[in-house]
Amino acid sequence: MSRLISAPNLNRGNYASPTEAKYAGMSAREEIARERILQKDYARIWLPPPVKHSPWDETD
C-alpha cells in the first residue's frame, strides 16, 4: 500500500488568501449574514459587560 500525496490547500482559483477562497463561493448577502452571526458570538464571548457607572466619580 502506498501513500498518495495530497495538497489540501491547493490554490485553484488564483485567490490571494485562503479566506478569500472560502468566501468566493458566497453571495454578498450570505457573507454579511455569516459575519453578523460571527460578530454576535464574538460580542457574547469576548466583550466585557458595559460599565454602568464611572469608577472615577466620587460619591461623598
PDB file of N, CA and C in Angstrom:
ATOM      1  N   MET A   1       0.846  -1.166   0.000  1.00  0.00           N
ATOM      2  CA  MET A   1       0.000   0.000   0.000  1.00  0.00           C
ATOM      3  C   MET A   1       0.900   1.240   0.000  1.00  0.00           C
ATOM      4  N   SER A   2       0.650   2.137  -0.904  1.00  0.00           N
ATOM      5  CA  SER A   2       1.447   3.364  -0.958  1.00  0.00           C
ATOM      6  C   SER A   2       0.586   4.557  -0.571  1.00  0.00           C
ATOM      7  N   ARG A   3       1.246   5.563  -0.081  1.00  0.00           N
ATOM      8  CA  ARG A   3       0.537   6.755   0.364  1.00  0.00           C
ATOM      9  C   ARG A   3       0.505   7.788  -0.759  1.00  0.00           C
ATOM     10  N   LEU A   4      -0.680   8.357  -0.982  1.00  0.00           N
ATOM     11  CA  LEU A   4      -0.815   9.383  -2.003  1.00  0.00           C
ATOM     12  C   LEU A   4      -0.520  10.752  -1.403  1.00  0.00           C
ATOM     13  N   ILE A   5       0.179  11.555  -2.144  1.00  0.00           N
ATOM     14  CA  ILE A   5       0.468  12.907  -1.694  1.00  0.00           C
ATOM     15  C   ILE A   5      -0.700  13.793  -2.115  1.00  0.00           C
ATOM     16  N   SER A   6      -1.197  14.557  -1.180  1.00  0.00           N
ATOM     17  CA  SER A   6      -2.305  15.458  -1.483  1.00  0.00           C
ATOM     18  C   SER A   6      -1.928  16.879  -1.068  1.00  0.00           C
ATOM     19  N   ALA A   7      -2.565  17.828  -1.692  1.00  0.00           N
ATOM     20  CA  ALA A   7      -2.339  19.235  -1.362  1.00  0.00           C
ATOM     21  C   ALA A   7      -3.676  19.838  -0.940  1.00  0.00           C
ATOM     22  N   PRO A   8      -4.013  19.802   0.357  1.00  0.00           N
ATOM     23  CA  PRO A   8      -5.330  20.265   0.798  1.00  0.00           C
ATOM     24  C   PRO A   8      -5.554  21.759   0.597  1.00  0.00           C
ATOM     25  N   ASN A   9      -4.489  22.549   0.597  1.00  0.00           N
ATOM     26  CA  ASN A   9      -4.643  23.999   0.451  1.00  0.00           C
ATOM     27  C   ASN A   9      -4.257  24.470  -0.950  1.00  0.00           C
ATOM     28  N   LEU A  10      -4.506  23.648  -1.913  1.00  0.00           N
ATOM     29  CA  LEU A  10      -4.166  23.989  -3.284  1.00  0.00           C
ATOM     30  C   LEU A  10      -4.985  25.194  -3.737  1.00  0.00           C
ATOM     31  N   ASN A  11      -4.307  26.180  -4.249  1.00  0.00           N
ATOM     32  CA  ASN A  11      -4.953  27.425  -4.662  1.00  0.00           C
ATOM     33  C   ASN A  11      -5.367  27.296  -6.128  1.00  0.00           C
ATOM     34  N   ARG A  12      -6.573  26.751  -6.350  1.00  0.00           N
ATOM     35  CA  ARG A  12      -7.028  26.520  -7.718  1.00  0.00           C
ATOM     36  C   ARG A  12      -7.734  27.724  -8.324  1.00  0.00           C
ATOM     37  N   GLY A  13      -8.212  28.645  -7.504  1.00  0.00           N
ATOM     38  CA  GLY A  13      -8.977  29.771  -8.027  1.00  0.00           C
ATOM     39  C   GLY A  13      -8.171  31.041  -8.170  1.00  0.00           C
ATOM     40  N   ASN A  14      -6.868  30.964  -7.959  1.00  0.00           N
ATOM     41  CA  ASN A  14      -5.984  32.122  -8.043  1.00  0.00           C
ATOM     42  C   ASN A  14      -6.428  33.209  -7.054  1.00  0.00           C
ATOM     43  N   TYR A  15      -6.723  32.811  -5.815  1.00  0.00           N
ATOM     44  CA  TYR A  15      -7.127  33.752  -4.778  1.00  0.00           C
ATOM     45  C   TYR A  15      -5.901  34.201  -3.996  1.00  0.00           C
ATOM     46  N   ALA A  16      -5.988  35.368  -3.411  1.00  0.00           N
ATOM     47  CA  ALA A  16      -4.856  35.929  -2.677  1.00  0.00           C
ATOM     48  C   ALA A  16      -4.662  35.254  -1.320  1.00  0.00           C
ATOM     49  N   SER A  17      -5.742  34.716  -0.741  1.00  0.00           N
ATOM     50  CA  SER A  17      -5.633  34.110   0.583  1.00  0.00           C
ATOM     51  C   SER A  17      -6.653  32.984   0.723  1.00  0.00           C
ATOM     52  N   PRO A  18      -6.443  32.103   1.700  1.00  0.00           N
ATOM     53  CA  PRO A  18      -7.432  31.054   1.946  1.00  0.00           C
ATOM     54  C   PRO A  18      -8.801  31.625   2.330  1.00  0.00           C
ATOM     55  N   THR A  19      -8.805  32.747   3.048  1.00  0.00           N
ATOM     56  CA  THR A  19     -10.071  33.368   3.434  1.00  0.00           C
ATOM     57  C   THR A  19     -10.827  33.865   2.209  1.00  0.00           C
ATOM     58  N   GLU A  20     -10.105  34.464   1.285  1.00  0.00           N
ATOM     59  CA  GLU A  20     -10.752  34.934   0.052  1.00  0.00           C
ATOM     60  C   GLU A  20     -11.329  33.758  -0.733  1.00  0.00           C
ATOM     61  N   ALA A  21     -10.617  32.656  -0.770  1.00  0.00           N
ATOM     62  CA  ALA A  21     -11.109  31.467  -1.466  1.00  0.00           C
ATOM     63  C   ALA A  21     -12.367  30.922  -0.790  1.00  0.00           C
ATOM     64  N   LYS A  22     -12.403  30.981   0.558  1.00  0.00           N
ATOM     65  CA  LYS A  22     -13.553  30.463   1.296  1.00  0.00           C
ATOM     66  C   LYS A  22     -14.808  31.289   1.018  1.00  0.00           C
ATOM     67  N   TYR A  23     -14.656  32.595   0.933  1.00  0.00           N
ATOM     68  CA  TYR A  23     -15.801  33.470   0.725  1.00  0.00           C
ATOM     69  C   TYR A  23     -16.139  33.676  -0.752  1.00  0.00           C
ATOM     70  N   ALA A  24     -15.347  33.179  -1.657  1.00  0.00           N
ATOM     71  CA  ALA A  24     -15.566  33.412  -3.087  1.00  0.00           C
ATOM     72  C   ALA A  24     -16.867  32.785  -3.580  1.00  0.00           C
ATOM     73  N   GLY A  25     -17.256  31.665  -3.017  1.00  0.00           N
ATOM     74  CA  GLY A  25     -18.464  30.988  -3.463  1.00  0.00           C
ATOM     75  C   GLY A  25     -19.736  31.537  -2.859  1.00  0.00           C
ATOM     76  N   MET A  26     -19.638  32.509  -1.962  1.00  0.00           N
ATOM     77  CA  MET A  26     -20.812  33.058  -1.286  1.00  0.00           C
ATOM     78  C   MET A  26     -21.268  34.342  -1.967  1.00  0.00           C
ATOM     79  N   SER A  27     -22.553  34.565  -1.888  1.00  0.00           N
ATOM     80  CA  SER A  27     -23.062  35.858  -2.354  1.00  0.00           C
ATOM     81  C   SER A  27     -22.778  36.891  -1.262  1.00  0.00           C
ATOM     82  N   ALA A  28     -22.901  38.156  -1.600  1.00  0.00           N
ATOM     83  CA  ALA A  28     -22.658  39.217  -0.624  1.00  0.00           C
ATOM     84  C   ALA A  28     -23.631  39.101   0.539  1.00  0.00           C
ATOM     85  N   ARG A  29     -24.872  38.754   0.257  1.00  0.00           N
ATOM     86  CA  ARG A  29     -25.885  38.624   1.312  1.00  0.00           C
ATOM     87  C   ARG A  29     -25.524  37.489   2.277  1.00  0.00           C
ATOM     88  N   GLU A  30     -25.088  36.360   1.743  1.00  0.00           N
ATOM     89  CA  GLU A  30     -24.694  35.237   2.597  1.00  0.00           C
ATOM     90  C   GLU A  30     -23.480  35.599   3.453  1.00  0.00           C
ATOM     91  N   GLU A  31     -22.536  36.297   2.850  1.00  0.00           N
ATOM     92  CA  GLU A  31     -21.328  36.682   3.567  1.00  0.00           C
ATOM     93  C   GLU A  31     -21.656  37.632   4.728  1.00  0.00           C
ATOM     94  N   ILE A  32     -22.530  38.597   4.482  1.00  0.00           N
ATOM     95  CA  ILE A  32     -22.923  39.545   5.529  1.00  0.00           C
ATOM     96  C   ILE A  32     -23.678  38.832   6.642  1.00  0.00           C
ATOM     97  N   ALA A  33     -24.573  37.913   6.293  1.00  0.00           N
ATOM     98  CA  ALA A  33     -25.322  37.158   7.299  1.00  0.00           C
ATOM     99  C   ALA A  33     -24.380  36.313   8.155  1.00  0.00           C
ATOM    100  N   ARG A  34     -23.413  35.685   7.516  1.00  0.00           N
ATOM    101  CA  ARG A  34     -22.455  34.874   8.260  1.00  0.00           C
ATOM    102  C   ARG A  34     -21.618  35.746   9.192  1.00  0.00           C
ATOM    103  N   GLU A  35     -21.199  36.903   8.709  1.00  0.00           N
ATOM    104  CA  GLU A  35     -20.391  37.800   9.530  1.00  0.00           C
ATOM    105  C   GLU A  35     -21.187  38.326  10.731  1.00  0.00           C
ATOM    106  N   ARG A  36     -22.472  38.593  10.553  1.00  0.00           N
ATOM    107  CA  ARG A  36     -23.305  39.044  11.677  1.00  0.00           C
ATOM    108  C   ARG A  36     -23.383  37.981  12.764  1.00  0.00           C
ATOM    109  N   ILE A  37     -23.524  36.731  12.364  1.00  0.00           N
ATOM    110  CA  ILE A  37     -23.566  35.634  13.332  1.00  0.00           C
ATOM    111  C   ILE A  37     -22.242  35.539  14.085  1.00  0.00           C
ATOM    112  N   LEU A  38     -21.138  35.645  13.353  1.00  0.00           N
ATOM    113  CA  LEU A  38     -19.828  35.573  13.989  1.00  0.00           C
ATOM    114  C   LEU A  38     -19.615  36.740  14.950  1.00  0.00           C
ATOM    115  N   GLN A  39     -20.083  37.925  14.578  1.00  0.00           N
ATOM    116  CA  GLN A  39     -19.930  39.089  15.447  1.00  0.00           C
ATOM    117  C   GLN A  39     -20.766  38.953  16.717  1.00  0.00           C
ATOM    118  N   LYS A  40     -21.952  38.351  16.621  1.00  0.00           N
ATOM    119  CA  LYS A  40     -22.766  38.112  17.821  1.00  0.00           C
ATOM    120  C   LYS A  40     -22.039  37.178  18.777  1.00  0.00           C
ATOM    121  N   ASP A  41     -21.438  36.117  18.228  1.00  0.00           N
ATOM    122  CA  ASP A  41     -20.687  35.189  19.071  1.00  0.00           C
ATOM    123  C   ASP A  41     -19.492  35.889  19.707  1.00  0.00           C
ATOM    124  N   TYR A  42     -18.820  36.744  18.940  1.00  0.00           N
ATOM    125  CA  TYR A  42     -17.674  37.472  19.461  1.00  0.00           C
ATOM    126  C   TYR A  42     -18.112  38.385  20.611  1.00  0.00           C
ATOM    127  N   ALA A  43     -19.195  39.107  20.426  1.00  0.00           N
ATOM    128  CA  ALA A  43     -19.681  40.016  21.463  1.00  0.00           C
ATOM    129  C   ALA A  43     -20.085  39.235  22.714  1.00  0.00           C
ATOM    130  N   ARG A  44     -20.681  38.074  22.532  1.00  0.00           N
ATOM    131  CA  ARG A  44     -21.134  37.274  23.674  1.00  0.00           C
ATOM    132  C   ARG A  44     -19.952  36.701  24.447  1.00  0.00           C
ATOM    133  N   ILE A  45     -18.899  36.300  23.746  1.00  0.00           N
ATOM    134  CA  ILE A  45     -17.800  35.592  24.392  1.00  0.00           C
ATOM    135  C   ILE A  45     -16.713  36.539  24.900  1.00  0.00           C
ATOM    136  N   TRP A  46     -16.317  37.518  24.098  1.00  0.00           N
ATOM    137  CA  TRP A  46     -15.099  38.265  24.386  1.00  0.00           C
ATOM    138  C   TRP A  46     -15.304  39.647  24.990  1.00  0.00           C
ATOM    139  N   LEU A  47     -16.391  40.325  24.676  1.00  0.00           N
ATOM    140  CA  LEU A  47     -16.532  41.693  25.155  1.00  0.00           C
ATOM    141  C   LEU A  47     -17.039  41.719  26.595  1.00  0.00           C
ATOM    142  N   PRO A  48     -16.418  42.540  27.437  1.00  0.00           N
ATOM    143  CA  PRO A  48     -16.892  42.623  28.824  1.00  0.00           C
ATOM    144  C   PRO A  48     -18.227  43.358  28.879  1.00  0.00           C
ATOM    145  N   PRO A  49     -18.952  43.198  29.978  1.00  0.00           N
ATOM    146  CA  PRO A  49     -20.226  43.911  30.089  1.00  0.00           C
ATOM    147  C   PRO A  49     -19.974  45.421  30.173  1.00  0.00           C
ATOM    148  N   PRO A  50     -20.905  46.231  29.709  1.00  0.00           N
ATOM    149  CA  PRO A  50     -20.696  47.682  29.748  1.00  0.00           C
ATOM    150  C   PRO A  50     -20.635  48.190  31.186  1.00  0.00           C
ATOM    151  N   VAL A  51     -19.863  49.246  31.377  1.00  0.00           N
ATOM    152  CA  VAL A  51     -19.739  49.857  32.701  1.00  0.00           C
ATOM    153  C   VAL A  51     -20.990  50.686  32.972  1.00  0.00           C
ATOM    154  N   LYS A  52     -21.623  50.442  34.116  1.00  0.00           N
ATOM    155  CA  LYS A  52     -22.865  51.122  34.443  1.00  0.00           C
ATOM    156  C   LYS A  52     -22.619  52.490  35.065  1.00  0.00           C
ATOM    157  N   HIS A  53     -21.472  52.660  35.680  1.00  0.00           N
ATOM    158  CA  HIS A  53     -21.140  53.934  36.294  1.00  0.00           C
ATOM    159  C   HIS A  53     -19.653  54.198  36.084  1.00  0.00           C
ATOM    160  N   SER A  54     -19.257  55.400  36.256  1.00  0.00           N
ATOM    161  CA  SER A  54     -17.855  55.745  36.114  1.00  0.00           C
ATOM    162  C   SER A  54     -17.156  55.488  37.442  1.00  0.00           C
ATOM    163  N   PRO A  55     -16.127  54.690  37.477  1.00  0.00           N
ATOM    164  CA  PRO A  55     -15.448  54.403  38.736  1.00  0.00           C
ATOM    165  C   PRO A  55     -14.715  55.614  39.302  1.00  0.00           C
ATOM    166  N   TRP A  56     -14.527  56.664  38.516  1.00  0.00           N
ATOM    167  CA  TRP A  56     -13.807  57.847  38.967  1.00  0.00           C
ATOM    168  C   TRP A  56     -14.734  58.900  39.591  1.00  0.00           C
ATOM    169  N   ASP A  57     -16.032  58.692  39.475  1.00  0.00           N
ATOM    170  CA  ASP A  57     -16.962  59.622  40.118  1.00  0.00           C
ATOM    171  C   ASP A  57     -16.886  59.438  41.639  1.00  0.00           C
ATOM    172  N   GLU A  58     -16.759  60.547  42.320  1.00  0.00           N
ATOM    173  CA  GLU A  58     -16.719  60.472  43.771  1.00  0.00           C
ATOM    174  C   GLU A  58     -18.126  60.631  44.324  1.00  0.00           C
ATOM    175  N   THR A  59     -18.468  59.779  45.250  1.00  0.00           N
ATOM    176  CA  THR A  59     -19.783  59.850  45.883  1.00  0.00           C
ATOM    177  C   THR A  59     -19.590  60.180  47.346  1.00  0.00           C
ATOM    178  N   ASP A  60     -19.457  61.442  47.650  1.00  0.00           N
ATOM    179  CA  ASP A  60     -19.251  61.877  49.041  1.00  0.00           C
ATOM    180  C   ASP A  60     -20.544  62.070  49.753  1.00  0.00           C
TER     181      ASP A  60
END
